[in-house]
Amino acid sequence: MSRTTATIPNDLTDLMKGAVKAGIFENKSDAIRHVLRAYFEENENARIAAAVSLYDDGEITLGTAARLAGVNRFEMRGILREEGIELRFGPEDMAAARDEIETARNLE
């Protein structure tokens, strides 16, 4: 799991602290994870845009882009084509190959 630093307005920090004290969240990290998950679940277009951007920059594979976008690989290919993004075929290195294998194992 990666670590990220963020600047959050005082009123939101206070609400987060109160939510942790009230037992709504285990800790501040749990609160932030919950809010981000809820945002991307409710905003499909934002989730897809984020996955497309990461794929376009070469940071993730097609399988990972599909998983992040919440679509299957075939749908992701179509989305990327619609966005005018050239598809990359085959993993670039062993880490990407392992990522593809893990993504394939987790397909429903």
Protein backbone atom coordinates (compact mmCIF):
# COMPACT_ATOMS: atom_id res chain seq x y z
CA MET A 1 0.00 0.00 0.00
CA SER A 2 1.38 3.42 -0.90
CA ARG A 3 1.57 6.46 1.32
CA THR A 4 0.22 9.85 0.20
CA THR A 5 0.38 13.23 1.89
CA ALA A 6 -2.54 15.62 1.51
CA THR A 7 -3.47 19.10 2.66
CA ILE A 8 -7.05 19.11 3.94
CA PRO A 9 -9.04 22.17 5.06
CA ASN A 10 -9.48 22.51 8.84
CA ASP A 11 -13.24 21.96 8.78
CA LEU A 12 -12.83 18.63 6.96
CA THR A 13 -9.97 17.64 9.27
CA ASP A 14 -12.20 18.39 12.28
CA LEU A 15 -15.06 16.34 10.81
CA MET A 16 -12.70 13.45 10.08
CA LYS A 17 -11.31 13.57 13.63
CA GLY A 18 -14.86 13.62 15.04
CA ALA A 19 -15.88 10.70 12.82
CA VAL A 20 -12.93 8.67 14.11
CA LYS A 21 -13.80 9.54 17.73
CA ALA A 22 -17.44 8.59 17.08
CA GLY A 23 -16.31 5.21 15.77
CA ILE A 24 -17.49 5.83 12.21
CA PHE A 25 -13.98 5.14 10.95
CA GLU A 26 -11.08 3.27 12.53
CA ASN A 27 -8.61 6.10 11.86
CA LYS A 28 -7.93 8.99 9.47
CA SER A 29 -6.52 6.70 6.78
CA ASP A 30 -9.66 4.56 6.93
CA ALA A 31 -11.81 7.69 6.53
CA ILE A 32 -9.87 8.87 3.47
CA ARG A 33 -9.96 5.40 1.86
CA HIS A 34 -13.71 5.17 2.46
CA VAL A 35 -14.40 8.61 0.96
CA LEU A 36 -12.25 7.94 -2.11
CA ARG A 37 -13.87 4.55 -2.71
CA ALA A 38 -17.34 6.05 -2.37
CA TYR A 39 -16.44 8.86 -4.77
CA PHE A 40 -15.18 6.54 -7.49
CA GLU A 41 -18.12 4.14 -7.01
CA GLU A 42 -20.55 7.03 -7.48
CA ASN A 43 -18.63 8.70 -10.34
CA GLU A 44 -18.05 6.08 -13.02
CA ASN A 45 -16.81 8.64 -15.56
CA ALA A 46 -14.13 9.88 -13.16
CA ARG A 47 -13.04 6.29 -12.45
CA ILE A 48 -12.78 5.54 -16.17
CA ALA A 49 -10.98 8.83 -16.89
CA ALA A 50 -8.41 8.07 -14.18
CA ALA A 51 -7.78 4.57 -15.56
CA VAL A 52 -7.49 5.90 -19.13
CA SER A 53 -5.01 8.56 -18.03
CA LEU A 54 -2.80 6.06 -16.20
CA TYR A 55 -2.88 3.65 -19.15
CA ASP A 56 -2.09 6.44 -21.62
CA ASP A 57 0.94 7.44 -19.52
CA GLY A 58 2.15 3.81 -19.55
CA GLU A 59 1.84 3.50 -15.79
CA ILE A 60 -0.57 0.55 -15.84
CA THR A 61 -1.44 -2.36 -18.10
CA LEU A 62 -4.69 -2.93 -19.97
CA GLY A 63 -5.81 -5.45 -17.34
CA THR A 64 -5.17 -3.05 -14.50
CA ALA A 65 -6.90 -0.22 -16.38
CA ALA A 66 -9.94 -2.44 -16.85
CA ARG A 67 -9.98 -3.40 -13.15
CA LEU A 68 -9.66 0.22 -12.02
CA ALA A 69 -12.33 1.37 -14.47
CA GLY A 70 -14.69 -1.39 -13.35
CA VAL A 71 -15.07 -2.88 -16.83
CA ASN A 72 -13.82 -6.00 -18.58
CA ARG A 73 -10.76 -5.98 -20.84
CA PHE A 74 -12.82 -5.90 -24.03
CA GLU A 75 -14.81 -2.90 -22.85
CA MET A 76 -11.57 -1.17 -21.80
CA ARG A 77 -10.11 -1.69 -25.26
CA GLY A 78 -13.17 -0.01 -26.75
CA ILE A 79 -12.94 2.89 -24.32
CA LEU A 80 -9.26 3.41 -25.13
CA ARG A 81 -9.95 3.29 -28.86
CA GLU A 82 -12.74 5.86 -28.45
CA GLU A 83 -10.26 8.10 -26.65
CA GLY A 84 -7.76 7.67 -29.50
CA ILE A 85 -5.24 5.89 -27.31
CA GLU A 86 -3.02 3.31 -28.96
CA LEU A 87 -3.26 -0.11 -27.37
CA ARG A 88 -0.10 -1.76 -26.09
CA PHE A 89 0.00 -5.52 -26.46
CA GLY A 90 1.99 -7.85 -24.26
CA PRO A 91 3.64 -7.01 -20.97
CA GLU A 92 6.68 -4.75 -21.09
CA ASP A 93 8.51 -6.52 -18.27
CA MET A 94 8.11 -9.23 -15.64
CA ALA A 95 6.33 -6.92 -13.20
CA ALA A 96 3.74 -6.09 -15.85
CA ALA A 97 3.40 -9.80 -16.70
CA ARG A 98 2.76 -10.63 -13.03
CA ASP A 99 0.24 -7.81 -12.86
CA GLU A 100 -1.60 -9.20 -15.90
CA ILE A 101 -1.62 -12.70 -14.39
CA GLU A 102 -2.95 -11.41 -11.06
CA THR A 103 -5.64 -9.37 -12.82
CA ALA A 104 -6.67 -12.42 -14.86
CA ARG A 105 -6.93 -14.52 -11.69
CA ASN A 106 -9.26 -11.97 -10.13
CA LEU A 107 -11.69 -11.78 -13.05
CA GLU A 108 -15.23 -12.77 -12.19
